[in-house]
C-alpha cells in the first residue's frame, strides 16, 4: 500500500483520558478511535493487527483439532435460565427485550450456546472428542474502562469448548488447548505466566489464567520463586504462622467507649493487631453472613462467596442489618451471640488463643476469647494473602505482583451438561453427561499487552508476526526521480515475494515520516536517500533500533533473513 492513499492520523500529544501506555499509543498511532466510554472503532492499522492475532489463534486451534463455527451474539434468557446463570450474572450483562417482550442479553460469553449445540448434535461416544471454537464479539458493561481496550465494553474473544466422554479425555483436550495458548503467546512475542485461578461461575474443577505482568494490571498474582507456585489472588492461600499454645483465660467483658477501629483498640489494650479478631457482616442476597479474620488481615470476598455457594449480590451490611445482628452500632460486632445465617471463621482465628473481639454491645469488647469454648462457626480459609506470607506449598516467602489476564482455561466437567441435559450414549449403552472444557482468549487485550511489552519513547515496536505491515520503504524526497524509482523497484519486489509492505510516498518532510513510522511501529524501515548514488540504502529494525547502510542489491536477502530470524514464512 502507498501511504498517500491510506487513512493515517497520528497524534503528537498524549490524550488526557489515556492512563496506560498501550491506550496512549493506540490512540496516538491511529490504531483506534473512541466512540464512547469503553467503546472503540478500530482504524485500518488497528484492525490489521487484530486480524493478524486472529490468524495466529486460528492456526493454533487447527493444530489442537478445534473446529470453527460462529454463534449468535444474542442469547435467550431461556438458555441462561436453564444453566442457572441468568440470575447469577449482574449489571455487567447488557439485557434487552424484543417487541414481544422476550428477554435476551448480548453475550458476555457463550458456554450455553456451545452446550446447546452439543446436546442437539452429539448422540454417541463415537462422535467424541469434539472441540468447537469461535472468534466472536462479546459485550460486558465493565464498571471501569480506564485501561482502554483492556477493559472495553465491546471486545473480540477467541472462545472454545471441548466435549469428551470422560475426565481422562478432558485432560487430553485441556492439555492440547494449554499448548495452543502457550504457542499463541509465544508467536505474539508475549511473556506470559500461567497461574492457578478461581473458576467463579464457570464450574468447579480447575482453571488456569495466562497473565502478563503489568503495574497497571487489575489482577494480583501471587508467586513463589522457590517452588514455582503461581496463583490469582482470588484463589491464593498461604501457611499461617504456628501459634504458641496457651491455657484458656477467663472471658472478660471490657468497657471500651468510643473505640471502634483496630488502631484504637491497639492503643487501648497496648497490644498488636494480631491479638484481635474482627467480625465483618455482609448481605449475600437475602442472607446475613458474618466472617471473622485476624485484626491485621483483609478479607478475600471471593473465598467467602465460594464458601456460601455463590451469591448474585454480595455487599457489606448496612447499619440496620448490623444492629439487628449484633444489637450494637457498627464497630462492636463479635462472634459471641451474633445473629446471622452463617458465621465463617478463618482458620487463623480458630487457632488463636485469648484474643479480643467485639462484644455485640455498643462500647464493649471481650478479651480472652477462644474458638470452641466461646463460639463456633464454619472454619475455613477466608483471608487475603499478603506479601511475605509463607507459601502454602513450600513455606518460602511469597511475592505479589499486578497483572493483566489475557486468557483463561477451565475444566468445567459436567456442570453445564448436567444442568442443560447434554448427554451421549456411551459404550455401555447408557446416557452419560458430556465432560466439558472451556477456553477463552482476549484478542484486543492481547494486542494491548503486546504494546505494553514492546514499545519505547518513540512509539510501538511491533513483533513481525503481528505488525500491521512488515516493511516500509521511505524515499527521502518524492521529488527526486532516482529515489522514487529505486523505492518503487524495492517496493514491488517485496510485494512480489509476499511481504506486507508500505511505501511512504507522502509529501512530508522525512523527519515527520520517521516520527509517524516509529510511532506506528513498522518492524523494518528501508530509507532511500542520497546514498543511492553509492548504491546503498539505509536499513533499520524498529525492534533493534540500529541503522545499517547496506547495498541496494542485498535488500531482498536482508529482508528475507529477518523473516527467517522471526520464524515468519513468506
Protein backbone atom coordinates (compact mmCIF):
# COMPACT_ATOMS: atom_id res chain seq x y z
CA UNK A 1 0.00 0.00 0.00
CA UNK A 2 1.02 3.57 -0.63
CA UNK A 3 0.68 5.74 2.47
CA UNK A 4 -0.55 8.65 0.35
CA UNK A 5 -3.71 6.61 -0.29
CA UNK A 6 -4.20 5.44 3.30
CA UNK A 7 -6.11 6.83 6.26
CA UNK A 8 -3.31 7.75 8.65
CA UNK A 9 -3.93 10.08 11.55
CA UNK A 10 -1.25 10.22 14.24
CA UNK A 11 -1.29 12.38 17.35
CA UNK A 12 1.75 14.15 18.78
CA UNK A 13 0.27 14.72 22.24
CA UNK A 14 -0.78 12.06 24.73
CA UNK A 15 -4.59 12.09 25.11
CA UNK A 16 -5.55 13.12 28.64
CA UNK A 17 -8.02 10.24 29.00
CA UNK A 18 -5.39 7.55 28.39
CA UNK A 19 -3.70 6.27 31.55
CA UNK A 20 -1.68 3.29 30.33
CA UNK A 21 0.96 3.11 27.61
CA UNK A 22 -0.96 0.77 25.31
CA UNK A 23 -4.04 3.01 25.36
CA UNK A 24 -1.92 6.12 24.75
CA UNK A 25 -0.03 4.60 21.84
CA UNK A 26 -3.07 3.02 20.21
CA UNK A 27 -4.73 6.43 20.14
CA UNK A 28 -1.60 8.32 19.10
CA UNK A 29 -0.73 5.82 16.35
CA UNK A 30 -4.26 5.96 14.95
CA UNK A 31 -4.98 2.31 15.76
CA UNK A 32 -8.27 3.11 17.50
CA UNK A 33 -10.68 5.98 18.00
CA UNK A 34 -13.05 6.33 20.93
CA UNK A 35 -16.80 6.10 20.33
CA UNK A 36 -17.84 6.33 23.99
CA UNK A 37 -16.54 5.12 27.34
CA UNK A 38 -15.14 1.62 26.76
CA UNK A 39 -16.24 1.51 23.09
CA UNK A 40 -13.80 1.96 20.19
CA UNK A 41 -13.60 1.96 16.42
CA UNK A 42 -10.61 0.06 15.07
CA UNK A 43 -8.92 2.03 12.33
CA UNK A 44 -7.11 0.43 9.34
CA UNK A 45 -3.78 -0.15 11.10
CA UNK A 46 -5.52 -1.39 14.24
CA UNK A 47 -7.80 -3.88 12.53
CA UNK A 48 -4.85 -5.35 10.64
CA UNK A 49 -3.17 -6.19 13.96
CA UNK A 50 -6.41 -7.73 15.25
CA UNK A 51 -6.67 -9.88 12.11
CA UNK A 52 -3.04 -10.99 12.49
CA UNK A 53 -3.67 -12.16 16.06
CA UNK A 54 -6.88 -13.90 14.97
CA UNK A 55 -4.93 -15.69 12.22
CA UNK A 56 -2.43 -16.99 14.78
CA UNK A 57 -5.30 -18.15 17.00
CA UNK A 58 -6.96 -19.95 14.10
CA UNK A 59 -3.77 -21.75 13.10
CA UNK A 60 -3.19 -22.98 16.67
CA UNK A 61 -6.82 -24.04 17.02
CA UNK A 62 -6.39 -26.17 13.92
CA UNK A 63 -3.35 -27.85 15.49
CA UNK A 64 -5.48 -28.53 18.58
CA UNK A 65 -8.18 -30.17 16.38
CA UNK A 66 -10.72 -27.44 17.12
CA UNK A 67 -13.39 -26.64 14.51
CA UNK A 68 -14.58 -23.09 13.92
CA UNK A 69 -18.22 -22.03 13.99
CA UNK A 70 -20.00 -18.75 14.70
CA UNK A 71 -22.70 -18.26 17.33
CA UNK A 72 -25.30 -15.53 17.55
CA UNK A 73 -24.31 -12.55 19.69
CA UNK A 74 -27.84 -12.65 21.16
CA UNK A 75 -28.51 -15.14 23.96
CA UNK A 76 -32.04 -16.02 25.02
CA UNK A 77 -32.95 -15.81 28.69
CA UNK A 78 -34.34 -19.36 28.47
CA UNK A 79 -30.90 -20.77 27.70
CA UNK A 80 -29.26 -18.90 30.58
CA UNK A 81 -32.08 -19.78 32.99
CA UNK A 82 -31.55 -23.41 32.07
CA UNK A 83 -27.87 -23.22 33.05
CA UNK A 84 -28.63 -21.19 36.16
CA UNK A 85 -26.63 -18.13 35.12
CA UNK A 86 -29.43 -15.70 34.17
CA UNK A 87 -29.80 -14.71 37.82
CA UNK A 88 -26.10 -15.07 38.67
CA UNK A 89 -24.97 -12.51 36.10
CA UNK A 90 -25.13 -8.99 37.48
CA UNK A 91 -25.22 -5.49 35.97
CA UNK A 92 -22.24 -6.23 33.73
CA UNK A 93 -24.57 -8.00 31.29
CA UNK A 94 -26.44 -5.97 28.65
CA UNK A 95 -30.06 -7.18 28.79
CA UNK A 96 -32.79 -6.34 26.30
CA UNK A 97 -36.29 -7.31 25.18
CA UNK A 98 -37.70 -7.74 21.70
CA UNK A 99 -41.06 -6.33 20.58
CA UNK A 100 -42.78 -9.38 22.05
CA UNK A 101 -41.23 -8.78 25.48
CA UNK A 102 -38.99 -11.83 25.14
CA UNK A 103 -35.78 -11.36 27.13
CA UNK A 104 -32.28 -11.59 25.66
CA UNK A 105 -28.79 -10.48 26.52
CA UNK A 106 -25.76 -9.53 24.46
CA UNK A 107 -23.47 -12.47 25.02
CA UNK A 108 -20.73 -11.88 27.60
CA UNK A 109 -19.66 -15.49 26.97
CA UNK A 110 -21.14 -18.47 25.11
CA UNK A 111 -20.95 -21.64 27.24
CA UNK A 112 -24.69 -22.21 26.98
CA UNK A 113 -24.62 -21.96 23.18
CA UNK A 114 -21.78 -24.47 22.94
CA UNK A 115 -23.66 -26.83 25.26
CA UNK A 116 -26.92 -26.40 23.36
CA UNK A 117 -25.21 -27.28 20.08
CA UNK A 118 -23.57 -30.31 21.67
CA UNK A 119 -26.78 -31.69 23.16
CA UNK A 120 -28.57 -31.36 19.83
CA UNK A 121 -25.78 -32.72 17.65
CA UNK A 122 -23.79 -35.23 19.74
CA UNK A 123 -25.58 -38.54 20.20
CA UNK A 124 -22.86 -41.15 20.67
CA UNK A 125 -19.40 -41.64 22.14
CA UNK A 126 -18.30 -42.27 18.54
CA UNK A 127 -18.59 -38.50 17.91
CA UNK A 128 -16.18 -37.70 20.75
CA UNK A 129 -13.89 -35.98 21.44
CA UNK A 130 -15.15 -32.75 19.85
CA UNK A 131 -13.70 -29.26 20.16
CA UNK A 132 -15.54 -26.21 18.79
CA UNK A 133 -14.29 -22.63 18.77
CA UNK A 134 -15.33 -19.23 17.55
CA UNK A 135 -13.87 -15.74 17.32
CA UNK A 136 -16.76 -13.53 18.28
CA UNK A 137 -17.63 -10.08 19.61
CA UNK A 138 -18.61 -10.03 23.30
CA UNK A 139 -20.33 -7.39 25.37
CA UNK A 140 -19.86 -6.55 29.05
CA UNK A 141 -20.80 -3.37 30.85
CA UNK A 142 -17.49 -3.06 32.67
CA UNK A 143 -17.53 -0.98 35.85
CA UNK A 144 -14.25 0.70 34.92
CA UNK A 145 -12.94 1.36 31.42
CA UNK A 146 -9.76 3.21 32.37
CA UNK A 147 -7.42 0.71 30.67
CA UNK A 148 -8.58 1.33 27.11
CA UNK A 149 -9.21 -1.84 25.11
CA UNK A 150 -8.04 -3.88 28.11
CA UNK A 151 -11.39 -3.12 29.75
CA UNK A 152 -13.64 -2.27 26.83
CA UNK A 153 -17.37 -2.96 26.81
CA UNK A 154 -17.25 -4.49 23.35
CA UNK A 155 -14.38 -6.84 22.57
CA UNK A 156 -13.29 -9.76 20.44
CA UNK A 157 -12.71 -13.11 22.08
CA UNK A 158 -11.46 -16.44 20.86
CA UNK A 159 -13.62 -18.95 22.71
CA UNK A 160 -13.70 -22.74 22.62
CA UNK A 161 -15.43 -25.66 24.32
CA UNK A 162 -14.24 -29.25 24.28
CA UNK A 163 -16.54 -32.24 24.77
CA UNK A 164 -15.27 -35.61 25.98
CA UNK A 165 -16.61 -38.89 27.26
CA UNK A 166 -14.50 -38.92 30.45
CA UNK A 167 -12.30 -36.84 32.73
CA UNK A 168 -9.29 -38.58 31.20
CA UNK A 169 -10.41 -37.38 27.78
CA UNK A 170 -10.91 -33.88 29.18
CA UNK A 171 -7.32 -33.90 30.46
CA UNK A 172 -6.09 -34.59 26.92
CA UNK A 173 -8.25 -31.84 25.37
CA UNK A 174 -7.27 -29.40 28.12
CA UNK A 175 -3.56 -30.05 27.58
CA UNK A 176 -3.95 -29.54 23.82
CA UNK A 177 -5.56 -26.17 24.43
CA UNK A 178 -2.99 -25.23 27.05
CA UNK A 179 -0.27 -25.90 24.48
CA UNK A 180 -2.22 -23.95 21.84
CA UNK A 181 -2.49 -20.87 24.06
CA UNK A 182 1.16 -21.14 25.07
CA UNK A 183 2.11 -21.18 21.38
CA UNK A 184 -0.20 -18.26 20.57
CA UNK A 185 1.50 -16.02 23.11
CA UNK A 186 4.94 -17.21 22.04
CA UNK A 187 4.16 -16.37 18.42
CA UNK A 188 2.92 -12.94 19.54
CA UNK A 189 6.26 -12.42 21.37
CA UNK A 190 4.48 -12.10 24.70
CA UNK A 191 5.96 -13.11 28.03
CA UNK A 192 3.05 -14.75 29.84
CA UNK A 193 2.76 -16.66 33.09
CA UNK A 194 0.06 -19.25 33.65
CA UNK A 195 -1.40 -19.07 37.14
CA UNK A 196 -3.98 -21.09 39.04
CA UNK A 197 -7.34 -19.34 39.09
CA UNK A 198 -10.74 -19.49 40.66
CA UNK A 199 -13.49 -20.93 38.48
CA UNK A 200 -16.11 -18.46 39.69
CA UNK A 201 -19.47 -19.01 37.97
CA UNK A 202 -17.89 -21.22 35.31
CA UNK A 203 -17.55 -24.51 37.15
CA UNK A 204 -15.79 -26.36 39.92
CA UNK A 205 -12.86 -28.45 38.67
CA UNK A 206 -9.76 -26.39 37.87
CA UNK A 207 -8.61 -23.47 35.77
CA UNK A 208 -5.57 -21.50 34.70
CA UNK A 209 -5.17 -17.86 33.70
CA UNK A 210 -2.49 -16.58 31.33
CA UNK A 211 -1.20 -13.33 32.81
CA UNK A 212 1.18 -10.62 31.70
CA UNK A 213 2.93 -8.65 34.41
CA UNK A 214 1.86 -5.01 34.49
CA UNK A 215 1.97 -2.29 37.13
CA UNK A 216 -1.45 -1.11 35.96
CA UNK A 217 -2.99 -4.58 35.95
CA UNK A 218 -6.28 -5.09 37.76
CA UNK A 219 -5.36 -8.60 38.89
CA UNK A 220 -2.99 -9.55 41.70
CA UNK A 221 -0.74 -12.54 41.08
CA UNK A 222 0.79 -14.45 43.98
CA UNK A 223 4.03 -16.30 43.19
CA UNK A 224 6.74 -18.25 44.97
CA UNK A 225 10.18 -18.15 43.37
CA UNK A 226 11.28 -21.25 45.30
CA UNK A 227 8.72 -23.80 44.12
CA UNK A 228 7.09 -22.01 41.17
CA UNK A 229 3.67 -21.68 42.85
CA UNK A 230 1.64 -19.10 40.91
CA UNK A 231 -1.98 -18.25 41.60
CA UNK A 232 -4.50 -15.47 41.18
CA UNK A 233 -5.17 -13.55 44.41
CA UNK A 234 -8.80 -14.73 44.35
CA UNK A 235 -7.63 -18.29 44.99
CA UNK A 236 -4.31 -17.70 46.77
CA UNK A 237 -3.59 -19.47 50.04
CA UNK A 238 -0.70 -19.22 52.47
CA UNK A 239 0.56 -21.10 55.50
CA UNK A 240 -0.33 -19.43 58.79
CA UNK A 241 2.25 -18.78 61.47
CA UNK A 242 2.21 -21.53 64.12
CA UNK A 243 0.53 -20.24 67.28
CA UNK A 244 2.13 -20.76 70.66
CA UNK A 245 -0.26 -22.83 72.74
CA UNK A 246 -1.75 -21.07 75.77
CA UNK A 247 -4.11 -22.01 78.55
CA UNK A 248 -7.59 -20.57 78.10
CA UNK A 249 -8.02 -17.48 80.28
CA UNK A 250 -11.24 -16.25 81.83
CA UNK A 251 -13.53 -14.42 79.41
CA UNK A 252 -13.83 -10.73 80.33
CA UNK A 253 -16.16 -8.04 79.04
CA UNK A 254 -14.31 -4.72 78.89
CA UNK A 255 -15.76 -1.21 78.63
CA UNK A 256 -14.26 0.42 75.51
CA UNK A 257 -16.25 3.63 74.99
CA UNK A 258 -15.90 5.28 71.58
CA UNK A 259 -13.34 2.74 70.39
CA UNK A 260 -14.33 1.18 67.07
CA UNK A 261 -11.23 0.64 64.94
CA UNK A 262 -8.39 -1.86 65.24
CA UNK A 263 -5.96 1.07 65.55
CA UNK A 264 -7.91 2.47 68.52
CA UNK A 265 -8.01 -0.97 70.13
CA UNK A 266 -4.25 -1.42 69.75
CA UNK A 267 -3.68 1.74 71.79
CA UNK A 268 -6.36 0.93 74.36
CA UNK A 269 -5.16 -2.64 75.04
CA UNK A 270 -1.47 -1.83 74.41
CA UNK A 271 -1.03 -4.77 72.06
CA UNK A 272 -0.69 -5.53 68.34
CA UNK A 273 -3.47 -6.02 65.80
CA UNK A 274 -2.62 -9.73 65.65
CA UNK A 275 -4.28 -10.14 69.06
CA UNK A 276 -7.66 -9.05 67.66
CA UNK A 277 -10.22 -10.84 65.54
CA UNK A 278 -12.60 -8.64 63.59
CA UNK A 279 -16.10 -9.67 62.61
CA UNK A 280 -17.41 -8.37 59.29
CA UNK A 281 -21.09 -8.59 58.40
CA UNK A 282 -22.34 -8.97 54.82
CA UNK A 283 -25.61 -9.32 52.97
CA UNK A 284 -25.43 -12.16 50.45
CA UNK A 285 -28.72 -11.86 48.56
CA UNK A 286 -31.24 -12.37 51.39
CA UNK A 287 -28.80 -13.96 53.87
CA UNK A 288 -26.73 -12.34 56.62
CA UNK A 289 -23.18 -13.67 56.64
CA UNK A 290 -20.66 -12.90 59.41
CA UNK A 291 -16.97 -13.52 58.72
CA UNK A 292 -14.03 -13.44 61.15
CA UNK A 293 -10.41 -12.72 60.24
CA UNK A 294 -7.41 -11.71 62.32
CA UNK A 295 -7.11 -8.00 63.08
CA UNK A 296 -4.21 -7.41 60.69
CA UNK A 297 -5.85 -9.28 57.81
CA UNK A 298 -8.09 -8.29 54.93
CA UNK A 299 -10.97 -10.46 53.79
CA UNK A 300 -10.90 -12.33 50.48
CA UNK A 301 -14.52 -11.87 49.41
CA UNK A 302 -14.19 -14.37 46.58
CA UNK A 303 -13.35 -17.15 49.04
CA UNK A 304 -16.39 -16.23 51.13
CA UNK A 305 -18.72 -16.22 48.12
CA UNK A 306 -17.47 -19.67 47.10
CA UNK A 307 -17.85 -20.96 50.67
CA UNK A 308 -21.52 -19.94 50.84
CA UNK A 309 -22.35 -21.46 47.46
CA UNK A 310 -22.38 -18.23 45.46
CA UNK A 311 -24.38 -15.02 45.63
CA UNK A 312 -25.80 -12.70 42.98
CA UNK A 313 -25.33 -9.72 45.30
CA UNK A 314 -22.67 -9.60 48.00
CA UNK A 315 -22.01 -6.40 49.94
CA UNK A 316 -21.24 -5.06 53.39
CA UNK A 317 -24.34 -4.92 55.56
CA UNK A 318 -25.84 -1.52 56.32
CA UNK A 319 -26.21 -0.10 59.83
CA UNK A 320 -29.71 -1.52 60.23
CA UNK A 321 -28.62 -5.08 59.46
CA UNK A 322 -25.60 -4.71 61.76
CA UNK A 323 -27.84 -3.51 64.60
CA UNK A 324 -30.26 -6.42 64.05
CA UNK A 325 -27.39 -8.92 64.06
CA UNK A 326 -25.36 -7.53 66.97
CA UNK A 327 -27.66 -5.24 69.00
CA UNK A 328 -24.85 -2.69 68.64
CA UNK A 329 -23.71 0.07 66.33
CA UNK A 330 -21.05 -0.54 63.70
CA UNK A 331 -17.64 -1.22 65.24
CA UNK A 332 -18.60 -3.60 68.04
CA UNK A 333 -19.54 -6.79 66.18
CA UNK A 334 -18.26 -10.08 67.53
CA UNK A 335 -18.99 -13.82 67.30
CA UNK A 336 -20.48 -14.42 70.74
CA UNK A 337 -24.26 -14.30 70.44
CA UNK A 338 -24.30 -12.86 66.92
CA UNK A 339 -27.50 -13.36 64.93
CA UNK A 340 -26.53 -14.43 61.39
CA UNK A 341 -27.44 -17.12 58.90
CA UNK A 342 -23.82 -18.23 58.85
CA UNK A 343 -20.66 -17.45 60.82
CA UNK A 344 -17.45 -18.10 58.89
CA UNK A 345 -14.24 -18.27 60.92
CA UNK A 346 -10.85 -18.01 59.27
CA UNK A 347 -8.60 -20.90 60.32
CA UNK A 348 -6.06 -18.40 61.63
CA UNK A 349 -8.66 -17.12 64.12
CA UNK A 350 -9.73 -20.64 65.09
CA UNK A 351 -6.12 -21.39 66.10
CA UNK A 352 -5.54 -18.21 68.13
CA UNK A 353 -5.64 -18.05 71.92
CA UNK A 354 -7.10 -15.47 74.28
CA UNK A 355 -7.83 -12.76 71.74
CA UNK A 356 -10.05 -9.68 71.67
CA UNK A 357 -13.36 -9.33 69.80
CA UNK A 358 -16.35 -7.03 69.73
CA UNK A 359 -18.98 -7.84 72.37
CA UNK A 360 -22.13 -7.16 70.30
CA UNK A 361 -22.79 -4.39 72.79
CA UNK A 362 -22.07 -0.74 71.99
CA UNK A 363 -18.96 0.40 73.86
CA UNK A 364 -17.78 -3.07 74.89
CA UNK A 365 -15.28 -5.73 73.79
CA UNK A 366 -14.46 -9.21 75.04
CA UNK A 367 -10.92 -10.28 75.88
CA UNK A 368 -9.56 -13.82 76.32
CA UNK A 369 -11.90 -15.20 73.66
CA UNK A 370 -11.23 -18.72 72.34
CA UNK A 371 -12.77 -20.66 69.49
CA UNK A 372 -14.68 -23.76 70.55
CA UNK A 373 -15.21 -22.63 74.13
CA UNK A 374 -16.89 -19.29 73.43
CA UNK A 375 -18.30 -19.70 69.92
CA UNK A 376 -18.30 -21.97 66.88
CA UNK A 377 -18.64 -21.47 63.14
CA UNK A 378 -17.64 -22.77 59.74
CA UNK A 379 -13.82 -22.80 59.80
CA UNK A 380 -12.00 -22.24 56.51
CA UNK A 381 -9.59 -20.03 54.58
CA UNK A 382 -11.18 -16.61 54.13
CA UNK A 383 -8.23 -14.23 54.39
CA UNK A 384 -6.41 -12.34 51.67
CA UNK A 385 -2.74 -13.26 51.47
CA UNK A 386 -0.12 -10.53 51.72
CA UNK A 387 3.48 -10.07 50.61
CA UNK A 388 5.79 -12.03 52.90
CA UNK A 389 3.27 -14.73 53.83
CA UNK A 390 4.57 -18.28 53.64
CA UNK A 391 3.89 -20.30 50.50
CA UNK A 392 1.28 -23.00 51.09
CA UNK A 393 3.36 -25.41 49.00
CA UNK A 394 6.91 -24.99 50.34
CA UNK A 395 6.69 -22.33 53.11
CA UNK A 396 9.07 -19.91 51.38
CA UNK A 397 8.02 -16.27 51.23
CA UNK A 398 5.55 -15.33 48.52
CA UNK A 399 5.59 -12.19 46.39
CA UNK A 400 2.66 -10.31 44.89
CA UNK A 401 2.67 -8.56 41.51
CA UNK A 402 -0.01 -6.92 39.41
CA UNK A 403 -1.01 -8.49 36.13
CA UNK A 404 -3.45 -8.45 33.23
CA UNK A 405 -5.39 -11.58 32.30
CA UNK A 406 -5.17 -12.42 28.60
CA UNK A 407 -6.68 -15.90 28.57
CA UNK A 408 -8.44 -18.37 30.84
CA UNK A 409 -8.90 -22.12 30.52
CA UNK A 410 -11.31 -24.21 32.61
CA UNK A 411 -12.03 -27.83 33.26
CA UNK A 412 -15.80 -27.50 33.55
CA UNK A 413 -16.57 -31.18 33.94
CA UNK A 414 -20.32 -31.80 33.80
CA UNK A 415 -21.53 -28.51 35.35
CA UNK A 416 -23.27 -27.30 32.18
CA UNK A 417 -24.03 -30.64 30.59
CA UNK A 418 -25.95 -31.84 33.65
CA UNK A 419 -27.93 -28.62 34.10
CA UNK A 420 -28.79 -28.50 30.39
CA UNK A 421 -29.23 -32.20 29.67
CA UNK A 422 -26.30 -32.55 27.25
CA UNK A 423 -25.72 -36.30 27.18
CA UNK A 424 -24.37 -39.01 24.91
CA UNK A 425 -24.82 -42.75 24.69
CA UNK A 426 -21.65 -44.40 25.98
CA UNK A 427 -20.09 -47.73 25.07
CA UNK A 428 -22.17 -49.24 27.87
CA UNK A 429 -25.36 -48.15 26.11
CA UNK A 430 -26.26 -45.69 28.89
CA UNK A 431 -26.79 -41.94 28.79
CA UNK A 432 -23.83 -40.01 30.22
CA UNK A 433 -23.27 -36.26 30.66
CA UNK A 434 -20.70 -34.72 28.34
CA UNK A 435 -17.45 -33.76 30.08
CA UNK A 436 -16.57 -30.21 29.08
CA UNK A 437 -13.63 -27.83 28.96
CA UNK A 438 -13.88 -24.12 28.28
CA UNK A 439 -11.17 -21.86 26.84
CA UNK A 440 -11.09 -18.12 26.15
CA UNK A 441 -8.52 -15.62 24.88
CA UNK A 442 -8.98 -11.86 24.63
CA UNK A 443 -7.87 -10.69 21.18
CA UNK A 444 -7.99 -6.96 21.97
CA UNK A 445 -6.26 -7.49 25.30
CA UNK A 446 -3.54 -9.46 23.57
CA UNK A 447 -3.00 -6.58 21.16
CA UNK A 448 -2.71 -4.09 24.04
CA UNK A 449 -0.42 -6.41 26.02
CA UNK A 450 1.95 -6.67 23.06
CA UNK A 451 2.24 -2.88 23.05
CA UNK A 452 2.79 -2.84 26.83
CA UNK A 453 5.75 -5.19 26.38
CA UNK A 454 7.04 -3.81 23.06
CA UNK A 455 7.40 -0.03 22.98
CA UNK A 456 9.86 2.78 23.62
CA UNK A 457 9.68 6.54 23.97
CA UNK A 458 9.08 6.88 20.22
CA UNK A 459 6.15 4.50 19.90
CA UNK A 460 5.18 0.89 19.28
CA UNK A 461 7.71 -1.82 18.37
CA UNK A 462 5.50 -4.47 16.78
CA UNK A 463 6.84 -8.03 16.60
CA UNK A 464 7.00 -9.13 12.98
CA UNK A 465 4.23 -11.73 13.46
CA UNK A 466 1.52 -9.20 14.33
CA UNK A 467 2.70 -5.95 12.74
CA UNK A 468 0.11 -4.22 10.55
CA UNK A 469 2.78 -4.11 7.84
CA UNK A 470 6.18 -5.77 7.97
CA UNK A 471 8.28 -3.38 5.90
CA UNK A 472 8.06 0.27 4.94
CA UNK A 473 10.04 1.81 2.07
CA UNK A 474 10.73 5.53 2.58
CA UNK A 475 12.01 7.77 -0.20
CA UNK A 476 13.51 10.83 1.48
CA UNK A 477 12.23 13.11 -1.28
CA UNK A 478 9.33 12.19 -3.53
CA UNK A 479 10.56 14.91 -5.90
CA UNK A 480 13.80 13.02 -6.53
CA UNK A 481 13.13 10.80 -9.55
CA UNK A 482 16.01 8.41 -8.85
CA UNK A 483 14.95 7.92 -5.22
CA UNK A 484 11.37 7.25 -6.30
CA UNK A 485 12.50 4.83 -8.99
CA UNK A 486 14.61 2.77 -6.55
CA UNK A 487 11.85 2.95 -3.91
CA UNK A 488 9.26 1.66 -6.39
CA UNK A 489 11.55 -1.17 -7.51
CA UNK A 490 12.19 -2.35 -3.93
CA UNK A 491 8.53 -1.92 -3.03
CA UNK A 492 7.34 -4.00 -5.99
CA UNK A 493 9.94 -6.74 -5.46
CA UNK A 494 8.92 -7.08 -1.80
CA UNK A 495 5.25 -7.23 -2.76
CA UNK A 496 6.12 -9.86 -5.33
CA UNK A 497 7.50 -12.28 -2.74
CA UNK A 498 4.56 -11.82 -0.37
CA UNK A 499 5.92 -9.21 2.03
CA UNK A 500 3.30 -6.88 3.54
CA UNK A 501 4.95 -3.63 2.54
CA UNK A 502 4.15 0.07 2.67
CA UNK A 503 5.69 2.90 0.70
CA UNK A 504 5.67 6.29 2.38
CA UNK A 505 5.15 8.45 -0.69
CA UNK A 506 3.56 11.30 1.25
CA UNK A 507 4.70 14.83 0.51
CA UNK A 508 6.09 15.32 4.02
CA UNK A 509 9.49 16.11 5.50
CA UNK A 510 11.45 12.93 6.17
CA UNK A 511 11.54 13.72 9.91
CA UNK A 512 7.73 13.71 10.01
CA UNK A 513 7.67 10.39 8.17
CA UNK A 514 10.17 8.83 10.58
CA UNK A 515 8.21 10.03 13.63
CA UNK A 516 4.96 8.61 12.26
CA UNK A 517 6.54 5.29 11.30
CA UNK A 518 8.29 4.88 14.66
CA UNK A 519 5.01 5.65 16.40
CA UNK A 520 3.08 3.12 14.29
CA UNK A 521 5.86 0.59 14.79
CA UNK A 522 6.59 -0.98 11.39
CA UNK A 523 9.38 -3.56 12.08
CA UNK A 524 11.64 -2.88 9.05
CA UNK A 525 12.31 0.52 7.50
CA UNK A 526 14.24 0.91 4.26
CA UNK A 527 15.18 4.53 3.57
CA UNK A 528 16.06 5.62 0.05
CA UNK A 529 18.20 8.76 0.23
CA UNK A 530 21.32 10.39 -1.18
CA UNK A 531 23.41 7.26 -0.62
CA UNK A 532 21.77 5.62 -3.64
CA UNK A 533 24.47 7.38 -5.66
CA UNK A 534 26.87 4.94 -3.94
CA UNK A 535 24.49 2.02 -4.47
CA UNK A 536 23.39 1.99 -0.81
CA UNK A 537 20.23 2.41 1.27
CA UNK A 538 19.56 2.66 5.00
CA UNK A 539 18.14 -0.44 6.71
CA UNK A 540 16.61 -0.11 10.19
CA UNK A 541 14.99 -2.64 12.51
CA UNK A 542 12.40 -0.93 14.71
CA UNK A 543 12.73 -3.53 17.46
CA UNK A 544 16.55 -3.31 17.49
CA UNK A 545 16.93 0.41 16.87
CA UNK A 546 20.13 0.13 14.82
CA UNK A 547 20.65 1.74 11.41
CA UNK A 548 22.69 -0.11 8.81
CA UNK A 549 23.94 1.04 5.44
CA UNK A 550 23.51 -1.85 3.00
CA UNK A 551 23.82 -2.31 -0.73
CA UNK A 552 20.66 -1.98 -2.79
CA UNK A 553 21.25 -5.42 -4.28
CA UNK A 554 21.28 -7.01 -0.80
CA UNK A 555 17.93 -5.57 0.36
CA UNK A 556 15.87 -8.62 -0.60
CA UNK A 557 18.24 -11.07 1.08
CA UNK A 558 18.41 -8.89 4.21
CA UNK A 559 14.61 -8.75 4.47
CA UNK A 560 14.31 -12.50 3.91
CA UNK A 561 16.88 -13.09 6.67
CA UNK A 562 14.79 -11.07 9.13
CA UNK A 563 11.78 -13.18 8.27
CA UNK A 564 13.83 -16.31 8.99
CA UNK A 565 15.08 -14.79 12.26
CA UNK A 566 11.46 -14.20 13.31
CA UNK A 567 10.19 -17.61 12.16
CA UNK A 568 7.94 -15.98 9.57
CA UNK A 569 7.34 -17.89 6.34
CA UNK A 570 6.99 -15.99 3.09
